[in-house]
Amino acid sequence: MKILVFGAGVLGSLYGTRLFQSGYDVTLLARGMRFDEISENGVILEGALSGERTVSRVPVCDALTPEDDYDLIIVLVRADQVDDLLPMLAANKKSKSVLFMVNNPSGYSEWIKAVGKERILLGFAGAGGTRKNGVVTFHVVSPILQPTTLAEVDGAKTDRIKQISKMFKNAGFATTISSNMDAWQKTHVAWVSPVANAIIAAGGDGKALSQRPDLLHLLVQAIHEGFAVLNKLNIPITPPKLKIITTLPKGLTRFVFKLWSRSQHFDTIATRHTLAAYGEMKLLSERFQDIAKTSNIPTPALDQLHQYLLNTPLQK
């Protein structure tokens, strides 16, 4: 399989390199300074917890042309970057499949319009991290919490999605196939967006968040409100195991978030990502606000955390 990984940030670098190291024919698409970094120094990955560092000479390009022919294009960019890429993806009609591994709670009509329903695939990464001075520091999330998740738009378990799932597994990523990726993504944003907004409200510091009972209260209440919105709109909490967030006593849930927000794990996959991707966090929060309004139920905690996101001086 000839693969293009479109995007060479944290996730594009990690997934592209792991696939390359597993023997797949991979090219990374990077632009600007990132293209120069990879061309000169290779892709440098460092485990956030292990400190283990690898350098891989993954082939790199800086454009996708209409004549390029790939078996699979994996789009691994931030949600606020996708619209600028759609014309380039639409112009490339030779590539067989386009897998969007992007945060998106708002539906896939624009993506389908750009690349065609027969080519589009959906997914979400099971990892996070940060990039600084050319080094990608990453952490692969436990599959108990969030495996790499893949889907066809209609939820079918086709040979194509099974083959791609096997490919990711061969590269060392725990992988699952979802039958309802739209519900999965809406659920994901319903709890991740309040976490990101609470981090920003705490000044961009997870440990500071752990010491703010008021923000921990708002965070847990906002997740409850977000899940209530989904229930009102008949959108199933997906995967169902996430229902535990709102079935546990709120005091216990606050305690869990208090402990987690102090950890290096939280710093790597939540705090650093939130600070590096403020534009994406703002967009996702706005999109979930739009979804919440359609439910006609009050969401005061969600609204207050959203205002923190908009007004915190740290991000101006």
Protein backbone atom coordinates (compact mmCIF):
# COMPACT_ATOMS: atom_id res chain seq x y z
CA MET A 1 0.00 0.00 0.00
CA LYS A 2 1.37 3.37 -1.06
CA ILE A 3 0.52 5.87 1.68
CA LEU A 4 0.66 9.65 2.02
CA VAL A 5 0.41 11.07 5.53
CA PHE A 6 -0.90 14.61 5.01
CA GLY A 7 0.45 16.60 7.94
CA ALA A 8 3.70 16.26 9.87
CA GLY A 9 2.80 17.62 13.28
CA VAL A 10 2.79 15.40 16.34
CA LEU A 11 0.31 12.82 15.10
CA GLY A 12 1.31 12.83 11.44
CA SER A 13 4.95 12.39 12.43
CA LEU A 14 4.14 9.61 14.90
CA TYR A 15 1.77 7.60 12.73
CA GLY A 16 3.75 8.13 9.53
CA THR A 17 7.00 7.08 11.16
CA ARG A 18 5.53 4.03 12.89
CA LEU A 19 4.04 2.88 9.57
CA PHE A 20 7.35 3.53 7.81
CA GLN A 21 9.26 1.60 10.48
CA SER A 22 6.84 -1.31 9.97
CA GLY A 23 7.79 -1.56 6.31
CA TYR A 24 5.01 0.38 4.60
CA ASP A 25 5.61 2.69 1.63
CA VAL A 26 5.03 6.01 3.39
CA THR A 27 5.58 9.63 2.43
CA LEU A 28 5.02 12.51 4.83
CA LEU A 29 3.62 15.77 3.50
CA ALA A 30 5.15 18.67 5.41
CA ARG A 31 5.42 22.34 4.56
CA GLY A 32 7.58 25.31 5.42
CA MET A 33 9.98 24.92 8.31
CA ARG A 34 8.71 21.42 9.11
CA PHE A 35 9.61 20.22 5.60
CA ASP A 36 13.13 21.59 6.11
CA GLU A 37 13.44 19.93 9.54
CA ILE A 38 12.48 16.50 8.26
CA SER A 39 14.57 16.82 5.09
CA GLU A 40 17.67 17.74 7.08
CA ASN A 41 17.28 15.77 10.31
CA GLY A 42 14.64 13.09 9.75
CA VAL A 43 11.66 12.59 12.04
CA ILE A 44 12.75 12.70 15.68
CA LEU A 45 10.37 10.95 18.08
CA GLU A 46 10.73 10.85 21.85
CA GLY A 47 8.51 8.88 24.23
CA ALA A 48 7.06 11.23 26.83
CA LEU A 49 7.32 8.67 29.62
CA SER A 50 10.22 6.48 28.46
CA GLY A 51 12.48 9.24 27.11
CA GLU A 52 13.48 6.86 24.31
CA ARG A 53 14.39 8.75 21.14
CA THR A 54 14.43 7.54 17.54
CA VAL A 55 15.41 9.22 14.29
CA SER A 56 13.81 7.98 11.06
CA ARG A 57 14.49 9.10 7.51
CA VAL A 58 10.89 9.03 6.32
CA PRO A 59 10.45 10.25 2.72
CA VAL A 60 8.97 13.74 2.69
CA CYS A 61 7.24 15.98 0.13
CA ASP A 62 5.75 19.46 0.35
CA ALA A 63 2.69 19.19 -1.93
CA LEU A 64 -0.06 16.92 -3.20
CA THR A 65 -0.55 17.32 -6.95
CA PRO A 66 -3.56 16.23 -9.03
CA GLU A 67 -1.35 13.59 -10.67
CA ASP A 68 -0.16 11.91 -7.46
CA ASP A 69 -1.52 8.40 -7.06
CA TYR A 70 -1.70 6.89 -3.56
CA ASP A 71 -3.61 3.91 -2.27
CA LEU A 72 -4.35 5.81 0.92
CA ILE A 73 -4.07 9.44 2.03
CA ILE A 74 -4.19 9.84 5.83
CA VAL A 75 -5.15 13.40 6.80
CA LEU A 76 -3.68 14.13 10.25
CA VAL A 77 -4.07 17.85 10.84
CA ARG A 78 -6.00 20.06 13.26
CA ALA A 79 -9.69 20.69 12.75
CA ASP A 80 -9.09 24.37 11.98
CA GLN A 81 -6.68 23.46 9.15
CA VAL A 82 -8.90 21.11 7.14
CA ASP A 83 -10.86 23.66 5.09
CA ASP A 84 -7.65 24.99 3.54
CA LEU A 85 -6.65 21.47 2.46
CA LEU A 86 -9.94 20.36 0.90
CA PRO A 87 -9.33 21.95 -2.54
CA MET A 88 -5.98 20.14 -2.82
CA LEU A 89 -7.58 16.83 -1.82
CA ALA A 90 -10.50 17.40 -4.20
CA ALA A 91 -8.14 18.06 -7.12
CA ASN A 92 -6.34 14.76 -6.51
CA LYS A 93 -8.78 12.21 -7.92
CA LYS A 94 -6.33 9.36 -8.53
CA SER A 95 -5.76 8.35 -4.91
CA LYS A 96 -8.09 5.56 -3.89
CA SER A 97 -9.01 6.37 -0.28
CA VAL A 98 -8.79 9.43 1.99
CA LEU A 99 -8.82 8.81 5.74
CA PHE A 100 -9.62 11.91 7.81
CA MET A 101 -8.21 11.41 11.33
CA VAL A 102 -9.47 14.78 12.50
CA ASN A 103 -11.62 16.07 15.38
CA ASN A 104 -15.03 16.82 13.87
CA PRO A 105 -18.36 16.88 15.78
CA SER A 106 -20.23 18.67 12.98
CA GLY A 107 -20.71 16.00 10.32
CA TYR A 108 -18.89 15.08 7.14
CA SER A 109 -20.84 16.66 4.27
CA GLU A 110 -18.06 19.06 3.26
CA TRP A 111 -15.46 16.31 3.31
CA ILE A 112 -17.70 14.02 1.26
CA LYS A 113 -18.32 16.82 -1.23
CA ALA A 114 -14.57 17.31 -1.64
CA VAL A 115 -13.33 13.73 -2.00
CA GLY A 116 -16.44 11.68 -2.77
CA LYS A 117 -18.41 9.27 -0.61
CA GLU A 118 -16.73 6.28 -2.20
CA ARG A 119 -13.25 7.44 -1.12
CA ILE A 120 -13.80 8.94 2.33
CA LEU A 121 -12.87 7.14 5.54
CA LEU A 122 -13.03 8.43 9.10
CA GLY A 123 -10.79 7.96 12.10
CA PHE A 124 -9.24 9.35 15.24
CA ALA A 125 -5.79 8.94 16.74
CA GLY A 126 -5.09 7.18 20.00
CA ALA A 127 -2.10 9.34 20.90
CA GLY A 128 -1.08 12.88 21.76
CA GLY A 129 1.93 15.01 22.44
CA THR A 130 3.83 18.12 21.53
CA ARG A 131 6.52 19.28 19.10
CA LYS A 132 9.39 21.62 19.96
CA ASN A 133 12.68 22.36 18.19
CA GLY A 134 12.02 19.59 15.70
CA VAL A 135 11.46 16.90 18.35
CA VAL A 136 8.06 15.21 18.65
CA THR A 137 7.35 14.15 22.23
CA PHE A 138 4.46 11.70 22.21
CA HIS A 139 2.38 9.37 24.32
CA VAL A 140 0.21 6.55 22.97
CA VAL A 141 -3.02 6.50 24.96
CA SER A 142 -4.09 3.28 26.68
CA PRO A 143 -6.56 1.39 24.48
CA ILE A 144 -8.81 1.15 27.55
CA LEU A 145 -9.34 4.90 27.24
CA GLN A 146 -8.91 5.58 23.52
CA PRO A 147 -7.58 3.18 20.87
CA THR A 148 -6.98 4.38 17.34
CA THR A 149 -10.52 4.37 15.94
CA LEU A 150 -11.51 3.88 12.29
CA ALA A 151 -14.80 3.84 10.39
CA GLU A 152 -16.60 3.89 7.10
CA VAL A 153 -19.12 6.74 6.86
CA ASP A 154 -22.03 4.26 6.92
CA GLY A 155 -20.50 2.21 9.73
CA ALA A 156 -19.97 -0.90 7.61
CA LYS A 157 -17.04 -3.19 8.42
CA THR A 158 -15.70 -3.44 4.89
CA ASP A 159 -12.60 -5.28 3.71
CA ARG A 160 -11.03 -1.86 3.13
CA ILE A 161 -11.44 -0.67 6.71
CA LYS A 162 -10.34 -4.05 8.06
CA GLN A 163 -7.17 -3.90 5.94
CA ILE A 164 -6.34 -0.39 7.21
CA SER A 165 -7.06 -1.45 10.78
CA LYS A 166 -4.63 -4.34 10.38
CA MET A 167 -2.05 -1.92 8.98
CA PHE A 168 -2.24 0.28 12.08
CA LYS A 169 -2.07 -2.75 14.35
CA ASN A 170 1.06 -3.89 12.52
CA ALA A 171 2.54 -0.46 13.32
CA GLY A 172 1.91 -0.99 17.03
CA PHE A 173 -1.36 0.92 17.53
CA ALA A 174 -4.28 -0.72 19.32
CA THR A 175 -7.13 -0.22 16.87
CA THR A 176 -10.90 -0.56 16.81
CA ILE A 177 -13.54 -0.12 14.10
CA SER A 178 -16.55 2.04 14.98
CA SER A 179 -20.03 1.55 13.58
CA ASN A 180 -21.02 5.17 14.36
CA MET A 181 -18.11 7.56 14.03
CA ASP A 182 -20.32 10.63 14.10
CA ALA A 183 -21.59 9.70 17.57
CA TRP A 184 -18.04 8.80 18.62
CA GLN A 185 -16.73 12.22 17.61
CA LYS A 186 -19.60 14.12 19.20
CA THR A 187 -19.06 12.18 22.44
CA HIS A 188 -15.34 12.86 22.30
CA VAL A 189 -15.81 16.60 21.96
CA ALA A 190 -18.49 16.60 24.67
CA TRP A 191 -15.90 15.65 27.29
CA VAL A 192 -12.58 16.76 25.78
CA SER A 193 -13.69 20.32 25.06
CA PRO A 194 -14.59 21.03 28.72
CA VAL A 195 -11.21 19.60 29.75
CA ALA A 196 -9.38 21.90 27.32
CA ASN A 197 -11.43 24.92 28.38
CA ALA A 198 -10.77 24.20 32.05
CA ILE A 199 -7.03 23.98 31.35
CA ILE A 200 -7.14 27.40 29.70
CA ALA A 201 -9.23 28.81 32.55
CA ALA A 202 -6.51 27.60 34.96
CA GLY A 203 -3.87 29.57 33.07
CA GLY A 204 -2.71 26.69 30.88
CA ASP A 205 -1.46 24.65 33.83
CA GLY A 206 -2.80 21.21 34.72
CA LYS A 207 -1.40 21.34 38.24
CA ALA A 208 -3.08 24.69 38.78
CA LEU A 209 -6.33 23.12 37.58
CA SER A 210 -5.94 20.35 40.17
CA GLN A 211 -5.92 23.04 42.88
CA ARG A 212 -9.05 24.83 41.64
CA PRO A 213 -12.18 23.19 43.14
CA ASP A 214 -14.34 25.72 41.31
CA LEU A 215 -12.96 24.74 37.91
CA LEU A 216 -13.06 21.02 38.68
CA HIS A 217 -16.72 21.47 39.62
CA LEU A 218 -17.43 23.31 36.37
CA LEU A 219 -15.50 20.72 34.35
CA VAL A 220 -17.46 17.76 35.69
CA GLN A 221 -20.77 19.62 35.46
CA ALA A 222 -20.00 20.62 31.85
CA ILE A 223 -19.36 17.01 30.86
CA HIS A 224 -22.66 16.00 32.46
CA GLU A 225 -24.38 18.76 30.48
CA GLY A 226 -22.68 17.73 27.24
CA PHE A 227 -23.76 14.12 27.63
CA ALA A 228 -27.28 15.31 28.48
CA VAL A 229 -27.28 17.25 25.21
CA LEU A 230 -26.35 14.11 23.28
CA ASN A 231 -29.03 12.08 25.06
CA LYS A 232 -31.66 14.73 24.27
CA LEU A 233 -30.64 14.61 20.59
CA ASN A 234 -30.74 10.78 20.56
CA ILE A 235 -27.01 10.56 19.91
CA PRO A 236 -25.64 7.48 21.72
CA ILE A 237 -22.66 7.95 24.04
CA THR A 238 -19.93 6.22 22.05
CA PRO A 239 -18.12 4.13 23.10
CA PRO A 240 -20.66 3.22 25.82
CA LYS A 241 -17.94 2.80 28.46
CA LEU A 242 -17.65 6.60 28.62
CA LYS A 243 -21.03 6.70 30.34
CA ILE A 244 -19.07 5.96 33.51
CA ILE A 245 -18.02 9.63 33.59
CA THR A 246 -21.60 10.63 34.37
CA THR A 247 -22.70 7.54 36.31
CA LEU A 248 -20.04 7.92 39.02
CA PRO A 249 -20.78 10.32 41.89
CA LYS A 250 -19.69 13.81 40.86
CA GLY A 251 -17.42 14.14 43.87
CA LEU A 252 -15.53 11.01 42.85
CA THR A 253 -15.29 12.20 39.23
CA ARG A 254 -13.85 15.52 40.42
CA PHE A 255 -11.29 13.64 42.50
CA VAL A 256 -10.25 11.55 39.48
CA PHE A 257 -9.79 14.67 37.37
CA LYS A 258 -7.88 16.31 40.22
CA LEU A 259 -5.40 13.43 40.33
CA TRP A 260 -5.16 13.09 36.54
CA SER A 261 -4.55 16.81 35.95
CA ARG A 262 -1.41 16.62 38.14
CA SER A 263 0.15 13.81 36.11
CA GLN A 264 2.77 13.86 33.37
CA HIS A 265 0.31 11.89 31.22
CA PHE A 266 -2.21 14.75 31.45
CA ASP A 267 0.51 17.30 30.75
CA THR A 268 1.55 15.50 27.55
CA ILE A 269 -1.77 14.61 25.97
CA ALA A 270 -4.02 17.36 27.35
CA THR A 271 -2.26 20.49 28.60
CA ARG A 272 0.47 20.81 25.99
CA HIS A 273 -1.87 19.93 23.15
CA THR A 274 -4.45 22.47 24.32
CA LEU A 275 -1.87 25.26 24.47
CA ALA A 276 -0.37 24.36 21.08
CA ALA A 277 -3.77 24.01 19.39
CA TYR A 278 -5.81 26.89 20.82
CA GLY A 279 -7.41 27.58 17.42
CA GLU A 280 -8.64 24.01 17.18
CA MET A 281 -9.90 24.00 20.77
CA LYS A 282 -11.81 27.23 20.14
CA LEU A 283 -13.37 25.85 16.96
CA LEU A 284 -14.44 22.60 18.63
CA SER A 285 -15.89 24.44 21.61
CA GLU A 286 -17.88 26.70 19.28
CA ARG A 287 -19.14 23.73 17.29
CA PHE A 288 -20.33 21.92 20.40
CA GLN A 289 -22.00 25.12 21.59
CA ASP A 290 -23.95 25.07 18.32
CA ILE A 291 -24.95 21.44 18.89
CA ALA A 292 -26.00 22.19 22.47
CA LYS A 293 -28.26 25.04 21.35
CA THR A 294 -30.27 22.67 19.14
CA SER A 295 -31.15 20.56 22.20
CA ASN A 296 -32.94 23.46 23.96
CA ILE A 297 -31.64 22.41 27.37
CA PRO A 298 -29.67 24.74 29.68
CA THR A 299 -25.89 24.28 29.73
CA PRO A 300 -24.58 26.91 32.18
CA ALA A 301 -21.31 25.13 33.00
CA LEU A 302 -20.51 24.51 29.33
CA ASP A 303 -21.30 28.14 28.59
CA GLN A 304 -19.12 29.45 31.40
CA LEU A 305 -16.12 27.33 30.40
CA HIS A 306 -16.58 28.46 26.80
CA GLN A 307 -16.42 32.07 27.94
CA TYR A 308 -13.22 31.32 29.86
CA LEU A 309 -11.79 30.00 26.59
CA LEU A 310 -12.69 33.22 24.80
CA ASN A 311 -11.62 35.64 27.52
CA THR A 312 -8.53 34.21 29.20
CA PRO A 313 -5.67 36.72 28.70
CA LEU A 314 -3.20 33.84 28.26
CA GLN A 315 -4.61 33.16 24.82
CA LYS A 316 -5.01 36.74 23.52
